[in-house]
Amino acid sequence: MNLALRKSGNTCIVDIGGEVDLRGSPALRKLLFQALTESPRVVINLSEIRYMDSSGIAVMIEALKNSQKLNREFAMFGLNARVREVFKLTRVLPLFKVFETEAEALGTENSHAGQE
């Protein structure tokens, strides 16, 4: 799994690539929680993910809950069909703000959760 953190204005963008599984989930959790303490907006780039298991979903839910506790905006973009299906099967997709592209995620601060 590849992880990177970058800034765009007041937004932290977390780029995730490869496979998000039990082995990599702790590093992802650490990076997401770091981003949430550093910025009022955190946007997750999932466009380079090939696979995500339930541990990855759990980390995303935990980060979402932490963002709510810290009053931070938390959104995702770039879900491919396989990753989107995992979020749908676990019935958590409606909990998240989801955008198709990075430009959409950065350009819209207030949208409806679970957009497709």
N, C-alpha and C. Protein backbone atom coordinates (compact mmCIF):
# COMPACT_ATOMS: atom_id res chain seq x y z
N MET A 1 0.85 -1.18 0.00
CA MET A 1 0.00 0.00 0.00
C MET A 1 0.89 1.23 0.00
N ASN A 2 0.50 2.21 -0.81
CA ASN A 2 1.21 3.48 -0.89
C ASN A 2 0.35 4.57 -0.29
N LEU A 3 0.97 5.41 0.57
CA LEU A 3 0.26 6.50 1.22
C LEU A 3 1.03 7.80 1.02
N ALA A 4 0.31 8.88 0.77
CA ALA A 4 0.93 10.20 0.68
C ALA A 4 -0.06 11.24 1.18
N LEU A 5 0.47 12.30 1.74
CA LEU A 5 -0.33 13.39 2.26
C LEU A 5 0.13 14.66 1.56
N ARG A 6 -0.83 15.42 1.02
CA ARG A 6 -0.50 16.69 0.39
C ARG A 6 -1.57 17.71 0.74
N LYS A 7 -1.25 18.98 0.52
CA LYS A 7 -2.16 20.08 0.88
C LYS A 7 -2.63 20.80 -0.37
N SER A 8 -3.86 21.26 -0.32
CA SER A 8 -4.42 22.15 -1.32
C SER A 8 -5.27 23.16 -0.56
N GLY A 9 -4.74 24.35 -0.37
CA GLY A 9 -5.44 25.34 0.45
C GLY A 9 -5.59 24.85 1.88
N ASN A 10 -6.84 24.85 2.36
CA ASN A 10 -7.10 24.40 3.73
C ASN A 10 -7.45 22.91 3.79
N THR A 11 -7.15 22.18 2.72
CA THR A 11 -7.53 20.77 2.63
C THR A 11 -6.31 19.87 2.62
N CYS A 12 -6.35 18.81 3.42
CA CYS A 12 -5.37 17.74 3.34
C CYS A 12 -5.93 16.68 2.40
N ILE A 13 -5.14 16.30 1.42
CA ILE A 13 -5.53 15.23 0.51
C ILE A 13 -4.68 14.02 0.83
N VAL A 14 -5.33 12.91 1.11
CA VAL A 14 -4.63 11.66 1.41
C VAL A 14 -4.75 10.76 0.19
N ASP A 15 -3.61 10.50 -0.44
CA ASP A 15 -3.56 9.61 -1.60
C ASP A 15 -3.25 8.20 -1.13
N ILE A 16 -4.10 7.26 -1.52
CA ILE A 16 -3.94 5.86 -1.13
C ILE A 16 -3.86 5.03 -2.40
N GLY A 17 -2.87 4.15 -2.47
CA GLY A 17 -2.73 3.30 -3.64
C GLY A 17 -2.45 1.86 -3.24
N GLY A 18 -2.74 0.95 -4.14
CA GLY A 18 -2.46 -0.46 -3.89
C GLY A 18 -3.59 -1.16 -3.19
N GLU A 19 -3.22 -2.00 -2.23
CA GLU A 19 -4.19 -2.82 -1.50
C GLU A 19 -4.30 -2.35 -0.05
N VAL A 20 -5.52 -2.09 0.38
CA VAL A 20 -5.79 -1.71 1.76
C VAL A 20 -6.32 -2.95 2.46
N ASP A 21 -5.48 -3.53 3.30
CA ASP A 21 -5.85 -4.76 3.99
C ASP A 21 -5.37 -4.69 5.44
N LEU A 22 -5.51 -5.78 6.15
CA LEU A 22 -5.17 -5.83 7.57
C LEU A 22 -3.73 -5.41 7.83
N ARG A 23 -2.84 -5.75 6.94
CA ARG A 23 -1.42 -5.42 7.11
C ARG A 23 -1.19 -3.91 7.04
N GLY A 24 -1.86 -3.22 6.12
CA GLY A 24 -1.62 -1.79 5.93
C GLY A 24 -2.56 -0.86 6.67
N SER A 25 -3.64 -1.39 7.19
CA SER A 25 -4.65 -0.54 7.83
C SER A 25 -4.14 0.31 8.99
N PRO A 26 -3.24 -0.20 9.85
CA PRO A 26 -2.75 0.66 10.93
C PRO A 26 -2.02 1.92 10.42
N ALA A 27 -1.24 1.79 9.36
CA ALA A 27 -0.54 2.96 8.79
C ALA A 27 -1.55 3.94 8.21
N LEU A 28 -2.59 3.43 7.55
CA LEU A 28 -3.62 4.28 7.00
C LEU A 28 -4.35 5.03 8.12
N ARG A 29 -4.68 4.33 9.17
CA ARG A 29 -5.37 4.95 10.31
C ARG A 29 -4.53 6.09 10.88
N LYS A 30 -3.25 5.83 11.06
CA LYS A 30 -2.35 6.84 11.62
C LYS A 30 -2.31 8.08 10.73
N LEU A 31 -2.19 7.90 9.42
CA LEU A 31 -2.13 9.02 8.49
C LEU A 31 -3.45 9.80 8.46
N LEU A 32 -4.57 9.11 8.45
CA LEU A 32 -5.87 9.79 8.43
C LEU A 32 -6.07 10.61 9.70
N PHE A 33 -5.72 10.03 10.84
CA PHE A 33 -5.89 10.76 12.09
C PHE A 33 -4.95 11.97 12.14
N GLN A 34 -3.74 11.83 11.60
CA GLN A 34 -2.81 12.96 11.51
C GLN A 34 -3.42 14.07 10.66
N ALA A 35 -3.94 13.70 9.50
CA ALA A 35 -4.54 14.68 8.59
C ALA A 35 -5.70 15.41 9.26
N LEU A 36 -6.50 14.69 10.03
CA LEU A 36 -7.65 15.30 10.69
C LEU A 36 -7.24 16.30 11.76
N THR A 37 -6.07 16.14 12.34
CA THR A 37 -5.60 17.12 13.32
C THR A 37 -4.95 18.33 12.66
N GLU A 38 -4.55 18.19 11.39
CA GLU A 38 -3.82 19.26 10.71
C GLU A 38 -4.68 20.15 9.83
N SER A 39 -5.90 19.74 9.52
CA SER A 39 -6.68 20.48 8.54
C SER A 39 -8.17 20.41 8.85
N PRO A 40 -8.92 21.49 8.51
CA PRO A 40 -10.37 21.44 8.70
C PRO A 40 -11.08 20.56 7.66
N ARG A 41 -10.40 20.25 6.55
CA ARG A 41 -10.98 19.40 5.50
C ARG A 41 -9.98 18.30 5.15
N VAL A 42 -10.47 17.09 5.08
CA VAL A 42 -9.66 15.96 4.65
C VAL A 42 -10.39 15.26 3.52
N VAL A 43 -9.68 15.08 2.41
CA VAL A 43 -10.25 14.44 1.23
C VAL A 43 -9.38 13.23 0.91
N ILE A 44 -10.01 12.08 0.75
CA ILE A 44 -9.30 10.83 0.51
C ILE A 44 -9.37 10.47 -0.96
N ASN A 45 -8.22 10.27 -1.57
CA ASN A 45 -8.12 9.87 -2.97
C ASN A 45 -8.03 8.35 -3.04
N LEU A 46 -9.09 7.71 -3.49
CA LEU A 46 -9.13 6.25 -3.58
C LEU A 46 -8.95 5.74 -5.01
N SER A 47 -8.56 6.61 -5.92
CA SER A 47 -8.51 6.24 -7.34
C SER A 47 -7.45 5.19 -7.67
N GLU A 48 -6.43 5.04 -6.84
CA GLU A 48 -5.36 4.09 -7.13
C GLU A 48 -5.45 2.81 -6.29
N ILE A 49 -6.57 2.61 -5.62
CA ILE A 49 -6.75 1.40 -4.80
C ILE A 49 -7.18 0.24 -5.69
N ARG A 50 -6.48 -0.88 -5.56
CA ARG A 50 -6.84 -2.08 -6.30
C ARG A 50 -7.76 -2.99 -5.48
N TYR A 51 -7.64 -2.91 -4.14
CA TYR A 51 -8.38 -3.82 -3.27
C TYR A 51 -8.53 -3.17 -1.90
N MET A 52 -9.69 -3.35 -1.27
CA MET A 52 -9.90 -2.91 0.10
C MET A 52 -10.72 -3.97 0.82
N ASP A 53 -10.23 -4.42 1.97
CA ASP A 53 -10.98 -5.41 2.75
C ASP A 53 -11.71 -4.72 3.90
N SER A 54 -12.33 -5.51 4.75
CA SER A 54 -13.15 -4.95 5.84
C SER A 54 -12.33 -4.13 6.83
N SER A 55 -11.04 -4.43 6.97
CA SER A 55 -10.21 -3.63 7.88
C SER A 55 -10.05 -2.21 7.33
N GLY A 56 -9.96 -2.07 6.03
CA GLY A 56 -9.89 -0.75 5.41
C GLY A 56 -11.19 0.02 5.60
N ILE A 57 -12.31 -0.67 5.43
CA ILE A 57 -13.61 -0.04 5.67
C ILE A 57 -13.71 0.42 7.12
N ALA A 58 -13.26 -0.42 8.03
CA ALA A 58 -13.31 -0.07 9.46
C ALA A 58 -12.48 1.18 9.75
N VAL A 59 -11.32 1.30 9.14
CA VAL A 59 -10.48 2.48 9.33
C VAL A 59 -11.18 3.72 8.79
N MET A 60 -11.81 3.59 7.63
CA MET A 60 -12.51 4.73 7.05
C MET A 60 -13.66 5.19 7.94
N ILE A 61 -14.40 4.24 8.50
CA ILE A 61 -15.50 4.58 9.41
C ILE A 61 -14.96 5.23 10.68
N GLU A 62 -13.88 4.69 11.20
CA GLU A 62 -13.27 5.26 12.40
C GLU A 62 -12.79 6.70 12.14
N ALA A 63 -12.19 6.92 10.98
CA ALA A 63 -11.74 8.27 10.62
C ALA A 63 -12.93 9.21 10.45
N LEU A 64 -14.00 8.72 9.83
CA LEU A 64 -15.21 9.53 9.68
C LEU A 64 -15.76 9.95 11.05
N LYS A 65 -15.84 9.01 11.97
CA LYS A 65 -16.33 9.33 13.31
C LYS A 65 -15.43 10.34 14.00
N ASN A 66 -14.12 10.17 13.83
CA ASN A 66 -13.18 11.12 14.43
C ASN A 66 -13.34 12.50 13.81
N SER A 67 -13.59 12.55 12.50
CA SER A 67 -13.79 13.85 11.84
C SER A 67 -15.02 14.55 12.40
N GLN A 68 -16.06 13.80 12.68
CA GLN A 68 -17.27 14.38 13.24
C GLN A 68 -17.01 14.90 14.65
N LYS A 69 -16.25 14.13 15.41
CA LYS A 69 -15.91 14.54 16.77
C LYS A 69 -15.08 15.83 16.77
N LEU A 70 -14.18 15.96 15.79
CA LEU A 70 -13.31 17.14 15.68
C LEU A 70 -13.94 18.27 14.86
N ASN A 71 -15.17 18.04 14.37
CA ASN A 71 -15.87 19.01 13.53
C ASN A 71 -15.07 19.34 12.27
N ARG A 72 -14.59 18.28 11.60
CA ARG A 72 -13.83 18.40 10.36
C ARG A 72 -14.65 17.83 9.22
N GLU A 73 -14.43 18.37 8.02
CA GLU A 73 -15.08 17.80 6.85
C GLU A 73 -14.25 16.62 6.35
N PHE A 74 -14.93 15.55 5.96
CA PHE A 74 -14.26 14.32 5.52
C PHE A 74 -14.97 13.82 4.27
N ALA A 75 -14.23 13.69 3.18
CA ALA A 75 -14.83 13.26 1.92
C ALA A 75 -13.88 12.32 1.18
N MET A 76 -14.42 11.65 0.17
CA MET A 76 -13.64 10.71 -0.64
C MET A 76 -13.92 10.98 -2.11
N PHE A 77 -12.97 10.57 -2.96
CA PHE A 77 -13.22 10.62 -4.39
C PHE A 77 -12.44 9.51 -5.08
N GLY A 78 -12.87 9.23 -6.31
CA GLY A 78 -12.14 8.28 -7.14
C GLY A 78 -12.40 6.81 -6.85
N LEU A 79 -13.55 6.48 -6.31
CA LEU A 79 -13.84 5.07 -6.03
C LEU A 79 -14.04 4.32 -7.34
N ASN A 80 -13.24 3.30 -7.57
CA ASN A 80 -13.47 2.46 -8.74
C ASN A 80 -14.64 1.52 -8.44
N ALA A 81 -15.08 0.79 -9.44
CA ALA A 81 -16.26 -0.07 -9.28
C ALA A 81 -16.08 -1.10 -8.17
N ARG A 82 -14.90 -1.69 -8.07
CA ARG A 82 -14.64 -2.73 -7.07
C ARG A 82 -14.70 -2.17 -5.65
N VAL A 83 -14.05 -1.03 -5.43
CA VAL A 83 -14.05 -0.42 -4.10
C VAL A 83 -15.44 0.11 -3.75
N ARG A 84 -16.10 0.72 -4.71
CA ARG A 84 -17.47 1.21 -4.48
C ARG A 84 -18.38 0.05 -4.05
N GLU A 85 -18.21 -1.10 -4.68
CA GLU A 85 -19.03 -2.27 -4.36
C GLU A 85 -18.80 -2.72 -2.91
N VAL A 86 -17.55 -2.67 -2.45
CA VAL A 86 -17.26 -3.03 -1.04
C VAL A 86 -17.99 -2.08 -0.10
N PHE A 87 -17.96 -0.79 -0.40
CA PHE A 87 -18.67 0.19 0.43
C PHE A 87 -20.18 -0.05 0.39
N LYS A 88 -20.70 -0.41 -0.78
CA LYS A 88 -22.14 -0.69 -0.90
C LYS A 88 -22.53 -1.95 -0.15
N LEU A 89 -21.76 -3.02 -0.32
CA LEU A 89 -22.08 -4.29 0.33
C LEU A 89 -22.08 -4.17 1.85
N THR A 90 -21.20 -3.33 2.37
CA THR A 90 -21.15 -3.14 3.82
C THR A 90 -22.14 -2.08 4.30
N ARG A 91 -22.88 -1.52 3.33
CA ARG A 91 -23.94 -0.55 3.61
C ARG A 91 -23.45 0.72 4.30
N VAL A 92 -22.22 1.12 4.03
CA VAL A 92 -21.69 2.33 4.64
C VAL A 92 -21.51 3.47 3.65
N LEU A 93 -21.68 3.23 2.37
CA LEU A 93 -21.48 4.28 1.38
C LEU A 93 -22.29 5.54 1.67
N PRO A 94 -23.56 5.44 2.08
CA PRO A 94 -24.34 6.65 2.36
C PRO A 94 -23.81 7.51 3.51
N LEU A 95 -22.92 6.95 4.33
CA LEU A 95 -22.36 7.71 5.45
C LEU A 95 -21.35 8.75 5.00
N PHE A 96 -20.77 8.55 3.82
CA PHE A 96 -19.65 9.36 3.36
C PHE A 96 -20.06 10.37 2.29
N LYS A 97 -19.32 11.47 2.23
CA LYS A 97 -19.41 12.39 1.10
C LYS A 97 -18.50 11.81 0.03
N VAL A 98 -19.07 11.50 -1.14
CA VAL A 98 -18.33 10.85 -2.20
C VAL A 98 -18.42 11.68 -3.47
N PHE A 99 -17.26 11.93 -4.08
CA PHE A 99 -17.18 12.68 -5.32
C PHE A 99 -16.48 11.83 -6.37
N GLU A 100 -16.74 12.13 -7.62
CA GLU A 100 -16.09 11.39 -8.71
C GLU A 100 -14.64 11.81 -8.90
N THR A 101 -14.36 13.12 -8.82
CA THR A 101 -13.03 13.63 -9.12
C THR A 101 -12.48 14.47 -7.98
N GLU A 102 -11.17 14.68 -8.03
CA GLU A 102 -10.52 15.54 -7.05
C GLU A 102 -11.03 16.97 -7.15
N ALA A 103 -11.20 17.46 -8.38
CA ALA A 103 -11.70 18.82 -8.58
C ALA A 103 -13.07 19.01 -7.93
N GLU A 104 -13.95 18.05 -8.08
CA GLU A 104 -15.26 18.13 -7.45
C GLU A 104 -15.13 18.12 -5.93
N ALA A 105 -14.28 17.25 -5.41
CA ALA A 105 -14.10 17.15 -3.96
C ALA A 105 -13.54 18.44 -3.38
N LEU A 106 -12.63 19.07 -4.10
CA LEU A 106 -12.02 20.31 -3.60
C LEU A 106 -12.91 21.52 -3.82
N GLY A 107 -13.76 21.48 -4.85
CA GLY A 107 -14.57 22.63 -5.19
C GLY A 107 -15.87 22.76 -4.45
N THR A 108 -16.31 21.69 -3.81
CA THR A 108 -17.59 21.69 -3.12
C THR A 108 -17.39 21.31 -1.67
N GLU A 109 -17.60 22.26 -0.79
CA GLU A 109 -17.40 21.98 0.63
C GLU A 109 -18.64 21.41 1.30
N ASN A 110 -19.81 21.75 0.84
CA ASN A 110 -21.03 21.27 1.47
C ASN A 110 -21.86 20.51 0.44
N SER A 111 -21.89 19.19 0.56
CA SER A 111 -22.69 18.39 -0.34
C SER A 111 -23.44 17.35 0.47
N HIS A 112 -24.25 16.57 -0.21
CA HIS A 112 -25.02 15.53 0.46
C HIS A 112 -24.19 14.27 0.60
N ALA A 113 -24.31 13.60 1.74
CA ALA A 113 -23.59 12.35 1.96
C ALA A 113 -24.07 11.29 1.00
N GLY A 114 -23.15 10.38 0.65
CA GLY A 114 -23.50 9.23 -0.15
C GLY A 114 -23.78 9.52 -1.60
N GLN A 115 -23.32 10.64 -2.11
CA GLN A 115 -23.54 10.94 -3.51
C GLN A 115 -22.89 9.89 -4.40
N GLU A 116 -23.50 9.62 -5.52
CA GLU A 116 -22.92 8.66 -6.46
C GLU A 116 -22.89 9.25 -7.83
